[in-house]
Amino acid sequence: MSALEENQEWEAVNRIVFPTTDAESTLPLYVVNWTPSHPDPALFDARESLEKVAFSSLSKRQLSGTLRNGIFSAQEASKTELPAGSVLIKSRTSIELAAGQHVSLCTFFNAFPASYWQRWTKVTNVRFIAKVGGVGRIVVMKSSARGIPSTVTTIPVAQEDEFVEADISLSGFMDGGFIWADMESASNDSLTVTDAQWQVPTQERRAPHNSSLSIAITTFNRPSYCLNQLQTIAAEKNLRDHLDTIYCVDQGTDRVQDQPDFQQTRELLGQQLTYILQDNLGGSGGFSRGMYETVKAQKSAYVLLLDDDAITEPEAILRALQFSDYATRPVLVGGG
């Protein structure tokens, strides 16, 4: 490692998070039961060009392992639900595995989108860091554009309150691929992982460090859903540190401001909420009003358009903001 690499600063751009509400329905978006790695059936479809698989880039050991891991039943492949009592979500950023458990963060919200960072930024390395306790191991994995997984590194865990980290190169992801962590507790001890995150070197940032955004929400007669959005954002300190204003454009006759908890939420958000009443101009008209107000205020680097009835993961908003900060040129960042 060079002296420059040793002295460079790192910034968290993807924090590994877990649901503290609606966990029964949303948990598979964050963490799933580990299953053996297997290739997509289309990978070996005779109708596909096998040249695309790039067998020449696989060692004999890697190819053998890929094929061996692919031999398991469809029943095993469907076991993504976590067994009852196998994991405990301790907080938004902390998880505890019971003894003898093996879970994966190869999920919608907790896998790191390596290919996007390689394609749209100048970042060449990403760092995984976490606070761990108990006994077990963390295995950092990556996938190719064809969905072939491979192990990057294995981090043993054998003591309380230990900080672990691993640096991973982003080369080789131009055509697609993700990086994620699998976690496995010892057969006779639990494993706790807290404050895990993916970091990148701040020297590759292309925007000012304290860039901020405004959020435009358009609503029409779905006041309870919209209020839930406002409450979710109000409770997320990390997001609010980067938030200028939420422009809540109410175009309905059943008003958000008439909801029982609206005033309390308004007081909590303070100047970070601008509530606007206007005639129903459709979704485009409502979002356009939010974009117009953002440009007129001249405070935010970005504006994010958010549906009133979505189940929001605030961390996804932060990730979009920080990805934009590192992009080599302005891009439209989509979420889900």
C-alpha atoms as a PDB file:
ATOM      1  CA  MET A   1       0.000   0.000   0.000  1.00  0.00           C
ATOM      2  CA  SER A   2       1.389   3.421  -0.949  1.00  0.00           C
ATOM      3  CA  ALA A   3       1.812   6.301   1.486  1.00  0.00           C
ATOM      4  CA  LEU A   4      -0.971   8.138  -0.352  1.00  0.00           C
ATOM      5  CA  GLU A   5      -3.353   5.206   0.147  1.00  0.00           C
ATOM      6  CA  GLU A   6      -2.419   4.951   3.825  1.00  0.00           C
ATOM      7  CA  ASN A   7      -3.166   8.640   4.437  1.00  0.00           C
ATOM      8  CA  GLN A   8      -6.286   9.049   2.299  1.00  0.00           C
ATOM      9  CA  GLU A   9      -9.640   9.645   3.936  1.00  0.00           C
ATOM     10  CA  TRP A  10     -12.615   7.355   3.423  1.00  0.00           C
ATOM     11  CA  GLU A  11     -16.311   8.173   3.430  1.00  0.00           C
ATOM     12  CA  ALA A  12     -19.287   5.873   3.932  1.00  0.00           C
ATOM     13  CA  VAL A  13     -21.502   5.877   0.840  1.00  0.00           C
ATOM     14  CA  ASN A  14     -23.564   2.737   1.535  1.00  0.00           C
ATOM     15  CA  ARG A  15     -24.444   1.931   5.128  1.00  0.00           C
ATOM     16  CA  ILE A  16     -25.719  -1.584   5.731  1.00  0.00           C
ATOM     17  CA  VAL A  17     -29.133  -1.155   7.321  1.00  0.00           C
ATOM     18  CA  PHE A  18     -31.995  -3.318   8.531  1.00  0.00           C
ATOM     19  CA  PRO A  19     -35.753  -2.701   8.881  1.00  0.00           C
ATOM     20  CA  THR A  20     -37.093  -1.887  12.318  1.00  0.00           C
ATOM     21  CA  THR A  21     -40.720  -1.699  11.139  1.00  0.00           C
ATOM     22  CA  ASP A  22     -42.602  -4.000   8.748  1.00  0.00           C
ATOM     23  CA  ALA A  23     -39.706  -6.448   9.077  1.00  0.00           C
ATOM     24  CA  GLU A  24     -41.894  -9.467   8.355  1.00  0.00           C
ATOM     25  CA  SER A  25     -42.654  -8.230   4.851  1.00  0.00           C
ATOM     26  CA  THR A  26     -39.456  -6.337   3.993  1.00  0.00           C
ATOM     27  CA  LEU A  27     -36.633  -8.334   5.627  1.00  0.00           C
ATOM     28  CA  PRO A  28     -35.761 -10.292   2.431  1.00  0.00           C
ATOM     29  CA  LEU A  29     -34.838  -6.955   0.837  1.00  0.00           C
ATOM     30  CA  TYR A  30     -32.088  -6.581   3.464  1.00  0.00           C
ATOM     31  CA  VAL A  31     -30.863 -10.009   4.582  1.00  0.00           C
ATOM     32  CA  VAL A  32     -31.641 -13.576   3.480  1.00  0.00           C
ATOM     33  CA  ASN A  33     -30.769 -17.090   4.488  1.00  0.00           C
ATOM     34  CA  TRP A  34     -27.550 -18.216   2.811  1.00  0.00           C
ATOM     35  CA  THR A  35     -27.852 -20.787   0.045  1.00  0.00           C
ATOM     36  CA  PRO A  36     -25.090 -22.369  -2.059  1.00  0.00           C
ATOM     37  CA  SER A  37     -23.912 -20.187  -4.919  1.00  0.00           C
ATOM     38  CA  HIS A  38     -25.310 -21.325  -8.225  1.00  0.00           C
ATOM     39  CA  PRO A  39     -25.227 -20.118 -11.829  1.00  0.00           C
ATOM     40  CA  ASP A  40     -28.333 -18.823 -13.527  1.00  0.00           C
ATOM     41  CA  PRO A  41     -29.802 -21.629 -15.688  1.00  0.00           C
ATOM     42  CA  ALA A  42     -29.575 -19.324 -18.697  1.00  0.00           C
ATOM     43  CA  LEU A  43     -25.828 -19.286 -18.227  1.00  0.00           C
ATOM     44  CA  PHE A  44     -25.574 -22.757 -19.727  1.00  0.00           C
ATOM     45  CA  ASP A  45     -28.552 -22.506 -22.067  1.00  0.00           C
ATOM     46  CA  ALA A  46     -27.611 -24.060 -25.413  1.00  0.00           C
ATOM     47  CA  ARG A  47     -29.391 -21.194 -27.118  1.00  0.00           C
ATOM     48  CA  GLU A  48     -26.964 -18.726 -25.523  1.00  0.00           C
ATOM     49  CA  SER A  49     -23.482 -18.104 -26.806  1.00  0.00           C
ATOM     50  CA  LEU A  50     -21.171 -19.852 -24.356  1.00  0.00           C
ATOM     51  CA  GLU A  51     -18.438 -17.451 -25.419  1.00  0.00           C
ATOM     52  CA  LYS A  52     -20.207 -14.874 -23.246  1.00  0.00           C
ATOM     53  CA  VAL A  53     -19.474 -16.944 -20.157  1.00  0.00           C
ATOM     54  CA  ALA A  54     -15.755 -16.145 -20.527  1.00  0.00           C
ATOM     55  CA  PHE A  55     -14.564 -19.540 -19.372  1.00  0.00           C
ATOM     56  CA  SER A  56     -11.014 -18.479 -20.189  1.00  0.00           C
ATOM     57  CA  SER A  57     -11.090 -16.049 -17.268  1.00  0.00           C
ATOM     58  CA  LEU A  58     -11.957 -18.832 -14.781  1.00  0.00           C
ATOM     59  CA  SER A  59      -9.317 -21.023 -13.247  1.00  0.00           C
ATOM     60  CA  LYS A  60      -9.946 -24.768 -13.148  1.00  0.00           C
ATOM     61  CA  ARG A  61     -10.678 -24.492  -9.437  1.00  0.00           C
ATOM     62  CA  GLN A  62     -13.159 -21.635  -9.949  1.00  0.00           C
ATOM     63  CA  LEU A  63     -14.992 -23.461 -12.711  1.00  0.00           C
ATOM     64  CA  SER A  64     -15.170 -26.687 -10.708  1.00  0.00           C
ATOM     65  CA  GLY A  65     -16.486 -24.810  -7.698  1.00  0.00           C
ATOM     66  CA  THR A  66     -19.113 -23.003  -9.763  1.00  0.00           C
ATOM     67  CA  LEU A  67     -20.421 -26.228 -11.248  1.00  0.00           C
ATOM     68  CA  ARG A  68     -20.263 -28.096  -7.940  1.00  0.00           C
ATOM     69  CA  ASN A  69     -22.175 -25.389  -6.089  1.00  0.00           C
ATOM     70  CA  GLY A  70     -24.776 -25.372  -8.836  1.00  0.00           C
ATOM     71  CA  ILE A  71     -25.827 -28.946  -8.076  1.00  0.00           C
ATOM     72  CA  PHE A  72     -28.553 -28.615  -5.473  1.00  0.00           C
ATOM     73  CA  SER A  73     -32.278 -28.989  -5.466  1.00  0.00           C
ATOM     74  CA  ALA A  74     -34.833 -26.326  -6.335  1.00  0.00           C
ATOM     75  CA  GLN A  75     -36.169 -26.742  -2.805  1.00  0.00           C
ATOM     76  CA  GLU A  76     -32.831 -25.630  -1.372  1.00  0.00           C
ATOM     77  CA  ALA A  77     -32.714 -22.689  -3.760  1.00  0.00           C
ATOM     78  CA  SER A  78     -36.033 -21.397  -2.444  1.00  0.00           C
ATOM     79  CA  LYS A  79     -34.952 -21.288   1.197  1.00  0.00           C
ATOM     80  CA  THR A  80     -34.465 -17.543   1.356  1.00  0.00           C
ATOM     81  CA  GLU A  81     -36.659 -16.988   4.410  1.00  0.00           C
ATOM     82  CA  LEU A  82     -34.730 -16.841   7.655  1.00  0.00           C
ATOM     83  CA  PRO A  83     -35.606 -19.508  10.250  1.00  0.00           C
ATOM     84  CA  ALA A  84     -37.437 -18.113  13.268  1.00  0.00           C
ATOM     85  CA  GLY A  85     -34.998 -16.948  15.916  1.00  0.00           C
ATOM     86  CA  SER A  86     -31.977 -17.259  13.645  1.00  0.00           C
ATOM     87  CA  VAL A  87     -31.292 -13.527  13.541  1.00  0.00           C
ATOM     88  CA  LEU A  88     -32.130 -10.586  15.770  1.00  0.00           C
ATOM     89  CA  ILE A  89     -32.406  -7.099  14.283  1.00  0.00           C
ATOM     90  CA  LYS A  90     -31.006  -5.076  17.191  1.00  0.00           C
ATOM     91  CA  SER A  91     -31.218  -1.681  15.491  1.00  0.00           C
ATOM     92  CA  ARG A  92     -31.135  -0.014  12.085  1.00  0.00           C
ATOM     93  CA  THR A  93     -27.425  -0.834  11.836  1.00  0.00           C
ATOM     94  CA  SER A  94     -26.962  -3.906  14.025  1.00  0.00           C
ATOM     95  CA  ILE A  95     -27.755  -7.598  13.579  1.00  0.00           C
ATOM     96  CA  GLU A  96     -27.077 -10.639  15.741  1.00  0.00           C
ATOM     97  CA  LEU A  97     -26.887 -14.188  14.395  1.00  0.00           C
ATOM     98  CA  ALA A  98     -27.719 -17.055  16.716  1.00  0.00           C
ATOM     99  CA  ALA A  99     -25.169 -19.874  16.955  1.00  0.00           C
ATOM    100  CA  GLY A 100     -24.770 -21.925  13.795  1.00  0.00           C
ATOM    101  CA  GLN A 101     -26.435 -19.475  11.405  1.00  0.00           C
ATOM    102  CA  HIS A 102     -25.353 -18.342   7.947  1.00  0.00           C
ATOM    103  CA  VAL A 103     -26.963 -15.344   6.227  1.00  0.00           C
ATOM    104  CA  SER A 104     -26.269 -13.263   3.146  1.00  0.00           C
ATOM    105  CA  LEU A 105     -26.440  -9.548   2.393  1.00  0.00           C
ATOM    106  CA  CYS A 106     -26.710 -10.264  -1.332  1.00  0.00           C
ATOM    107  CA  THR A 107     -29.955  -8.288  -1.339  1.00  0.00           C
ATOM    108  CA  PHE A 108     -31.592  -5.283  -2.943  1.00  0.00           C
ATOM    109  CA  PHE A 109     -30.609  -2.846  -0.210  1.00  0.00           C
ATOM    110  CA  ASN A 110     -27.351  -4.244   1.178  1.00  0.00           C
ATOM    111  CA  ALA A 111     -25.303  -5.347  -1.826  1.00  0.00           C
ATOM    112  CA  PHE A 112     -22.867  -2.732  -3.123  1.00  0.00           C
ATOM    113  CA  PRO A 113     -23.487  -1.823  -6.813  1.00  0.00           C
ATOM    114  CA  ALA A 114     -19.865  -2.154  -7.917  1.00  0.00           C
ATOM    115  CA  SER A 115     -20.513  -1.904 -11.657  1.00  0.00           C
ATOM    116  CA  TYR A 116     -22.279   1.448 -11.317  1.00  0.00           C
ATOM    117  CA  TRP A 117     -19.452   2.904  -9.250  1.00  0.00           C
ATOM    118  CA  GLN A 118     -16.840   1.702 -11.717  1.00  0.00           C
ATOM    119  CA  ARG A 119     -18.811   3.000 -14.711  1.00  0.00           C
ATOM    120  CA  TRP A 120     -19.863   6.422 -13.474  1.00  0.00           C
ATOM    121  CA  THR A 121     -17.169   7.470 -10.969  1.00  0.00           C
ATOM    122  CA  LYS A 122     -13.390   7.599 -10.680  1.00  0.00           C
ATOM    123  CA  VAL A 123     -13.404   5.356  -7.598  1.00  0.00           C
ATOM    124  CA  THR A 124     -11.099   2.343  -8.050  1.00  0.00           C
ATOM    125  CA  ASN A 125     -11.327   0.743  -4.593  1.00  0.00           C
ATOM    126  CA  VAL A 126     -14.090   0.268  -2.054  1.00  0.00           C
ATOM    127  CA  ARG A 127     -13.643  -0.618   1.619  1.00  0.00           C
ATOM    128  CA  PHE A 128     -15.892  -2.813   3.751  1.00  0.00           C
ATOM    129  CA  ILE A 129     -15.735  -1.963   7.456  1.00  0.00           C
ATOM    130  CA  ALA A 130     -17.750  -3.172  10.438  1.00  0.00           C
ATOM    131  CA  LYS A 131     -17.719  -3.573  14.205  1.00  0.00           C
ATOM    132  CA  VAL A 132     -18.071  -7.232  15.133  1.00  0.00           C
ATOM    133  CA  GLY A 133     -18.372  -9.385  18.219  1.00  0.00           C
ATOM    134  CA  GLY A 134     -18.727 -13.051  19.072  1.00  0.00           C
ATOM    135  CA  VAL A 135     -17.271 -15.874  17.006  1.00  0.00           C
ATOM    136  CA  GLY A 136     -17.682 -16.567  13.314  1.00  0.00           C
ATOM    137  CA  ARG A 137     -16.616 -15.100  10.021  1.00  0.00           C
ATOM    138  CA  ILE A 138     -17.536 -12.567   7.372  1.00  0.00           C
ATOM    139  CA  VAL A 139     -17.035 -13.551   3.742  1.00  0.00           C
ATOM    140  CA  VAL A 140     -16.850 -10.732   1.190  1.00  0.00           C
ATOM    141  CA  MET A 141     -18.219 -11.894  -2.153  1.00  0.00           C
ATOM    142  CA  LYS A 142     -18.490 -10.480  -5.666  1.00  0.00           C
ATOM    143  CA  SER A 143     -20.392 -11.416  -8.801  1.00  0.00           C
ATOM    144  CA  SER A 144     -19.641 -11.124 -12.471  1.00  0.00           C
ATOM    145  CA  ALA A 145     -21.929  -9.657 -15.121  1.00  0.00           C
ATOM    146  CA  ARG A 146     -23.166 -13.200 -15.767  1.00  0.00           C
ATOM    147  CA  GLY A 147     -24.040 -13.747 -12.107  1.00  0.00           C
ATOM    148  CA  ILE A 148     -21.099 -16.001 -11.276  1.00  0.00           C
ATOM    149  CA  PRO A 149     -20.145 -15.441  -7.599  1.00  0.00           C
ATOM    150  CA  SER A 150     -16.660 -15.735  -6.155  1.00  0.00           C
ATOM    151  CA  THR A 151     -15.014 -15.095  -2.788  1.00  0.00           C
ATOM    152  CA  VAL A 152     -12.966 -11.920  -2.405  1.00  0.00           C
ATOM    153  CA  THR A 153     -11.749 -12.431   1.146  1.00  0.00           C
ATOM    154  CA  THR A 154     -12.710 -14.126   4.418  1.00  0.00           C
ATOM    155  CA  ILE A 155     -12.512 -12.233   7.716  1.00  0.00           C
ATOM    156  CA  PRO A 156     -12.438 -14.389  10.880  1.00  0.00           C
ATOM    157  CA  VAL A 157     -14.152 -13.040  13.990  1.00  0.00           C
ATOM    158  CA  ALA A 158     -13.014 -14.282  17.379  1.00  0.00           C
ATOM    159  CA  GLN A 159     -13.360 -11.469  19.917  1.00  0.00           C
ATOM    160  CA  GLU A 160     -15.705  -8.775  21.198  1.00  0.00           C
ATOM    161  CA  ASP A 161     -15.848  -5.215  19.864  1.00  0.00           C
ATOM    162  CA  GLU A 162     -13.355  -5.724  17.079  1.00  0.00           C
ATOM    163  CA  PHE A 163     -13.254  -3.532  13.979  1.00  0.00           C
ATOM    164  CA  VAL A 164     -12.641  -5.373  10.729  1.00  0.00           C
ATOM    165  CA  GLU A 165     -12.113  -4.089   7.212  1.00  0.00           C
ATOM    166  CA  ALA A 166     -11.319  -5.260   3.705  1.00  0.00           C
ATOM    167  CA  ASP A 167     -10.355  -3.309   0.589  1.00  0.00           C
ATOM    168  CA  ILE A 168     -11.760  -4.491  -2.735  1.00  0.00           C
ATOM    169  CA  SER A 169     -10.746  -3.405  -6.225  1.00  0.00           C
ATOM    170  CA  LEU A 170     -13.507  -2.183  -8.524  1.00  0.00           C
ATOM    171  CA  SER A 171     -11.728  -3.358 -11.642  1.00  0.00           C
ATOM    172  CA  GLY A 172     -13.538  -5.968 -13.702  1.00  0.00           C
ATOM    173  CA  PHE A 173     -17.080  -4.718 -13.052  1.00  0.00           C
ATOM    174  CA  MET A 174     -17.588  -2.632 -16.182  1.00  0.00           C
ATOM    175  CA  ASP A 175     -20.099  -5.113 -17.631  1.00  0.00           C
ATOM    176  CA  GLY A 176     -21.947  -5.614 -14.343  1.00  0.00           C
ATOM    177  CA  GLY A 177     -21.610  -7.125 -10.890  1.00  0.00           C
ATOM    178  CA  PHE A 178     -22.117  -6.520  -7.183  1.00  0.00           C
ATOM    179  CA  ILE A 179     -20.104  -6.901  -3.975  1.00  0.00           C
ATOM    180  CA  TRP A 180     -21.676  -8.099  -0.733  1.00  0.00           C
ATOM    181  CA  ALA A 181     -20.954  -9.742   2.608  1.00  0.00           C
ATOM    182  CA  ASP A 182     -22.086 -13.112   3.915  1.00  0.00           C
ATOM    183  CA  MET A 183     -22.047 -13.669   7.679  1.00  0.00           C
ATOM    184  CA  GLU A 184     -21.665 -16.978   9.508  1.00  0.00           C
ATOM    185  CA  SER A 185     -21.704 -17.572  13.270  1.00  0.00           C
ATOM    186  CA  ALA A 186     -19.825 -20.384  14.969  1.00  0.00           C
ATOM    187  CA  SER A 187     -21.711 -23.554  15.829  1.00  0.00           C
ATOM    188  CA  ASN A 188     -21.500 -22.767  19.550  1.00  0.00           C
ATOM    189  CA  ASP A 189     -21.506 -18.957  19.655  1.00  0.00           C
ATOM    190  CA  SER A 190     -23.410 -15.980  18.271  1.00  0.00           C
ATOM    191  CA  LEU A 191     -22.086 -13.277  15.945  1.00  0.00           C
ATOM    192  CA  THR A 192     -22.954  -9.572  16.072  1.00  0.00           C
ATOM    193  CA  VAL A 193     -22.255  -7.130  13.236  1.00  0.00           C
ATOM    194  CA  THR A 194     -22.783  -3.404  13.822  1.00  0.00           C
ATOM    195  CA  ASP A 195     -22.268  -0.244  11.759  1.00  0.00           C
ATOM    196  CA  ALA A 196     -21.158  -2.140   8.664  1.00  0.00           C
ATOM    197  CA  GLN A 197     -20.647   0.101   5.664  1.00  0.00           C
ATOM    198  CA  TRP A 198     -19.055   0.449   2.259  1.00  0.00           C
ATOM    199  CA  GLN A 199     -16.603   3.334   2.028  1.00  0.00           C
ATOM    200  CA  VAL A 200     -14.798   5.064  -0.842  1.00  0.00           C
ATOM    201  CA  PRO A 201     -11.824   7.496  -0.893  1.00  0.00           C
ATOM    202  CA  THR A 202     -13.000  11.084  -0.483  1.00  0.00           C
ATOM    203  CA  GLN A 203     -10.307  12.300  -2.879  1.00  0.00           C
ATOM    204  CA  GLU A 204     -12.441  10.956  -5.733  1.00  0.00           C
ATOM    205  CA  ARG A 205     -15.441  13.100  -4.790  1.00  0.00           C
ATOM    206  CA  ARG A 206     -16.476  15.478  -7.570  1.00  0.00           C
ATOM    207  CA  ALA A 207     -18.850  17.667  -5.558  1.00  0.00           C
ATOM    208  CA  PRO A 208     -18.453  19.815  -2.429  1.00  0.00           C
ATOM    209  CA  HIS A 209     -18.416  17.770   0.761  1.00  0.00           C
ATOM    210  CA  ASN A 210     -21.554  19.362   2.200  1.00  0.00           C
ATOM    211  CA  SER A 211     -23.806  19.035  -0.850  1.00  0.00           C
ATOM    212  CA  SER A 212     -27.504  18.832  -0.048  1.00  0.00           C
ATOM    213  CA  LEU A 213     -30.815  18.030  -1.652  1.00  0.00           C
ATOM    214  CA  SER A 214     -34.477  18.928  -1.545  1.00  0.00           C
ATOM    215  CA  ILE A 215     -37.271  16.373  -1.855  1.00  0.00           C
ATOM    216  CA  ALA A 216     -40.430  16.976  -3.879  1.00  0.00           C
ATOM    217  CA  ILE A 217     -43.470  14.921  -2.868  1.00  0.00           C
ATOM    218  CA  THR A 218     -46.715  15.251  -4.802  1.00  0.00           C
ATOM    219  CA  THR A 219     -49.916  13.964  -3.240  1.00  0.00           C
ATOM    220  CA  PHE A 220     -53.566  13.713  -4.256  1.00  0.00           C
ATOM    221  CA  ASN A 221     -56.047  12.432  -1.654  1.00  0.00           C
ATOM    222  CA  ARG A 222     -53.627   9.994  -0.034  1.00  0.00           C
ATOM    223  CA  PRO A 223     -52.949  12.018   3.102  1.00  0.00           C
ATOM    224  CA  SER A 224     -52.101   9.171   5.483  1.00  0.00           C
ATOM    225  CA  TYR A 225     -49.525   7.717   3.067  1.00  0.00           C
ATOM    226  CA  CYS A 226     -47.959  11.105   2.497  1.00  0.00           C
ATOM    227  CA  LEU A 227     -47.788  11.844   6.211  1.00  0.00           C
ATOM    228  CA  ASN A 228     -46.040   8.523   6.726  1.00  0.00           C
ATOM    229  CA  GLN A 229     -43.389   9.648   4.222  1.00  0.00           C
ATOM    230  CA  LEU A 230     -42.850  12.873   6.136  1.00  0.00           C
ATOM    231  CA  GLN A 231     -42.606  11.027   9.454  1.00  0.00           C
ATOM    232  CA  THR A 232     -40.110   8.504   8.041  1.00  0.00           C
ATOM    233  CA  ILE A 233     -37.816  11.266   6.815  1.00  0.00           C
ATOM    234  CA  ALA A 234     -38.223  13.282  10.015  1.00  0.00           C
ATOM    235  CA  ALA A 235     -36.946  10.329  12.058  1.00  0.00           C
ATOM    236  CA  GLU A 236     -33.773   9.844  10.001  1.00  0.00           C
ATOM    237  CA  LYS A 237     -31.022  12.135  11.333  1.00  0.00           C
ATOM    238  CA  ASN A 238     -28.360  11.119   8.802  1.00  0.00           C
ATOM    239  CA  LEU A 239     -30.653  12.083   5.946  1.00  0.00           C
ATOM    240  CA  ARG A 240     -31.811  15.321   7.533  1.00  0.00           C
ATOM    241  CA  ASP A 241     -28.200  16.456   7.894  1.00  0.00           C
ATOM    242  CA  HIS A 242     -28.158  16.658   4.073  1.00  0.00           C
ATOM    243  CA  LEU A 243     -31.734  17.870   3.591  1.00  0.00           C
ATOM    244  CA  ASP A 244     -32.704  21.448   2.741  1.00  0.00           C
ATOM    245  CA  THR A 245     -36.455  21.209   2.264  1.00  0.00           C
ATOM    246  CA  ILE A 246     -39.245  18.746   1.607  1.00  0.00           C
ATOM    247  CA  TYR A 247     -41.677  20.380  -0.808  1.00  0.00           C
ATOM    248  CA  CYS A 248     -44.964  18.629  -0.068  1.00  0.00           C
ATOM    249  CA  VAL A 249     -47.294  19.663  -2.893  1.00  0.00           C
ATOM    250  CA  ASP A 250     -50.851  18.800  -1.859  1.00  0.00           C
ATOM    251  CA  GLN A 251     -53.241  18.833  -4.829  1.00  0.00           C
ATOM    252  CA  GLY A 252     -56.137  16.979  -3.217  1.00  0.00           C
ATOM    253  CA  THR A 253     -59.296  17.787  -1.321  1.00  0.00           C
ATOM    254  CA  ASP A 254     -58.477  15.376   1.518  1.00  0.00           C
ATOM    255  CA  ARG A 255     -55.575  17.362   2.931  1.00  0.00           C
ATOM    256  CA  VAL A 256     -52.406  16.082   4.561  1.00  0.00           C
ATOM    257  CA  GLN A 257     -52.546  19.060   6.927  1.00  0.00           C
ATOM    258  CA  ASP A 258     -55.835  17.731   8.340  1.00  0.00           C
ATOM    259  CA  GLN A 259     -54.267  14.461   9.524  1.00  0.00           C
ATOM    260  CA  PRO A 260     -54.109  14.133  13.353  1.00  0.00           C
ATOM    261  CA  ASP A 261     -50.292  13.968  13.587  1.00  0.00           C
ATOM    262  CA  PHE A 262     -49.460  16.511  10.902  1.00  0.00           C
ATOM    263  CA  GLN A 263     -48.777  19.467  13.186  1.00  0.00           C
ATOM    264  CA  GLN A 264     -46.444  17.407  15.360  1.00  0.00           C
ATOM    265  CA  THR A 265     -44.539  16.264  12.276  1.00  0.00           C
ATOM    266  CA  ARG A 266     -44.440  19.808  10.936  1.00  0.00           C
ATOM    267  CA  GLU A 267     -42.932  21.064  14.170  1.00  0.00           C
ATOM    268  CA  LEU A 268     -40.367  18.264  14.126  1.00  0.00           C
ATOM    269  CA  LEU A 269     -39.241  19.086  10.581  1.00  0.00           C
ATOM    270  CA  GLY A 270     -39.385  22.842  11.146  1.00  0.00           C
ATOM    271  CA  GLN A 271     -37.950  24.809   8.208  1.00  0.00           C
ATOM    272  CA  GLN A 272     -37.177  21.538   6.427  1.00  0.00           C
ATOM    273  CA  LEU A 273     -40.845  21.255   5.420  1.00  0.00           C
ATOM    274  CA  THR A 274     -42.556  23.520   2.907  1.00  0.00           C
ATOM    275  CA  TYR A 275     -46.228  22.614   2.567  1.00  0.00           C
ATOM    276  CA  ILE A 276     -47.863  23.833  -0.645  1.00  0.00           C
ATOM    277  CA  LEU A 277     -51.539  23.773  -1.620  1.00  0.00           C
ATOM    278  CA  GLN A 278     -52.434  23.988  -5.308  1.00  0.00           C
ATOM    279  CA  ASP A 279     -55.036  22.788  -7.788  1.00  0.00           C
ATOM    280  CA  ASN A 280     -54.687  19.257  -9.133  1.00  0.00           C
ATOM    281  CA  LEU A 281     -52.278  19.591 -12.044  1.00  0.00           C
ATOM    282  CA  GLY A 282     -51.445  15.904 -12.141  1.00  0.00           C
ATOM    283  CA  GLY A 283     -48.251  14.200 -11.042  1.00  0.00           C
ATOM    284  CA  SER A 284     -46.120  16.117 -13.517  1.00  0.00           C
ATOM    285  CA  GLY A 285     -47.591  19.413 -12.361  1.00  0.00           C
ATOM    286  CA  GLY A 286     -46.934  18.593  -8.718  1.00  0.00           C
ATOM    287  CA  PHE A 287     -43.351  17.435  -9.280  1.00  0.00           C
ATOM    288  CA  SER A 288     -42.687  20.411 -11.545  1.00  0.00           C
ATOM    289  CA  ARG A 289     -43.735  22.687  -8.688  1.00  0.00           C
ATOM    290  CA  GLY A 290     -41.235  20.963  -6.402  1.00  0.00           C
ATOM    291  CA  MET A 291     -38.440  21.322  -8.972  1.00  0.00           C
ATOM    292  CA  TYR A 292     -39.369  24.953  -9.567  1.00  0.00           C
ATOM    293  CA  GLU A 293     -39.282  25.755  -5.851  1.00  0.00           C
ATOM    294  CA  THR A 294     -35.911  24.019  -5.487  1.00  0.00           C
ATOM    295  CA  VAL A 295     -34.353  26.018  -8.321  1.00  0.00           C
ATOM    296  CA  LYS A 296     -35.887  29.256  -7.008  1.00  0.00           C
ATOM    297  CA  ALA A 297     -34.490  28.674  -3.502  1.00  0.00           C
ATOM    298  CA  GLN A 298     -30.947  28.171  -4.859  1.00  0.00           C
ATOM    299  CA  LYS A 299     -29.879  26.067  -1.858  1.00  0.00           C
ATOM    300  CA  SER A 300     -29.821  22.474  -3.044  1.00  0.00           C
ATOM    301  CA  ALA A 301     -27.442  20.705  -5.391  1.00  0.00           C
ATOM    302  CA  TYR A 302     -30.136  18.136  -6.225  1.00  0.00           C
ATOM    303  CA  VAL A 303     -33.872  17.544  -6.115  1.00  0.00           C
ATOM    304  CA  LEU A 304     -35.326  14.083  -5.537  1.00  0.00           C
ATOM    305  CA  LEU A 305     -38.842  13.194  -6.701  1.00  0.00           C
ATOM    306  CA  LEU A 306     -40.643  10.905  -4.246  1.00  0.00           C
ATOM    307  CA  ASP A 307     -44.070   9.281  -4.539  1.00  0.00           C
ATOM    308  CA  ASP A 308     -46.468   9.871  -1.687  1.00  0.00           C
ATOM    309  CA  ASP A 309     -47.401   6.212  -1.202  1.00  0.00           C
ATOM    310  CA  ALA A 310     -44.024   4.467  -1.480  1.00  0.00           C
ATOM    311  CA  ILE A 311     -42.458   2.628   1.437  1.00  0.00           C
ATOM    312  CA  THR A 312     -39.328   4.704   1.762  1.00  0.00           C
ATOM    313  CA  GLU A 313     -35.891   3.447   2.731  1.00  0.00           C
ATOM    314  CA  PRO A 314     -34.162   6.701   3.784  1.00  0.00           C
ATOM    315  CA  GLU A 315     -30.731   5.155   3.291  1.00  0.00           C
ATOM    316  CA  ALA A 316     -31.520   4.811  -0.428  1.00  0.00           C
ATOM    317  CA  ILE A 317     -31.991   8.594  -0.625  1.00  0.00           C
ATOM    318  CA  LEU A 318     -28.602   9.162   0.988  1.00  0.00           C
ATOM    319  CA  ARG A 319     -26.976   6.684  -1.377  1.00  0.00           C
ATOM    320  CA  ALA A 320     -28.433   8.479  -4.393  1.00  0.00           C
ATOM    321  CA  LEU A 321     -27.090  11.788  -3.087  1.00  0.00           C
ATOM    322  CA  GLN A 322     -23.606  10.461  -2.428  1.00  0.00           C
ATOM    323  CA  PHE A 323     -23.412   8.547  -5.705  1.00  0.00           C
ATOM    324  CA  SER A 324     -24.260  11.791  -7.504  1.00  0.00           C
ATOM    325  CA  ASP A 325     -21.478  13.550  -5.600  1.00  0.00           C
ATOM    326  CA  TYR A 326     -18.923  11.088  -6.969  1.00  0.00           C
ATOM    327  CA  ALA A 327     -20.229  10.827 -10.539  1.00  0.00           C
ATOM    328  CA  THR A 328     -17.783  12.240 -13.071  1.00  0.00           C
ATOM    329  CA  ARG A 329     -20.595  14.120 -14.813  1.00  0.00           C
ATOM    330  CA  PRO A 330     -24.218  14.945 -13.943  1.00  0.00           C
ATOM    331  CA  VAL A 331     -26.443  11.877 -14.039  1.00  0.00           C
ATOM    332  CA  LEU A 332     -30.061  11.035 -13.293  1.00  0.00           C
ATOM    333  CA  VAL A 333     -30.083   8.584 -10.384  1.00  0.00           C
ATOM    334  CA  GLY A 334     -33.073   6.258 -10.067  1.00  0.00           C
ATOM    335  CA  GLY A 335     -34.178   4.327  -7.014  1.00  0.00           C
ATOM    336  CA  GLY A 336     -36.741   1.749  -5.980  1.00  0.00           C
END
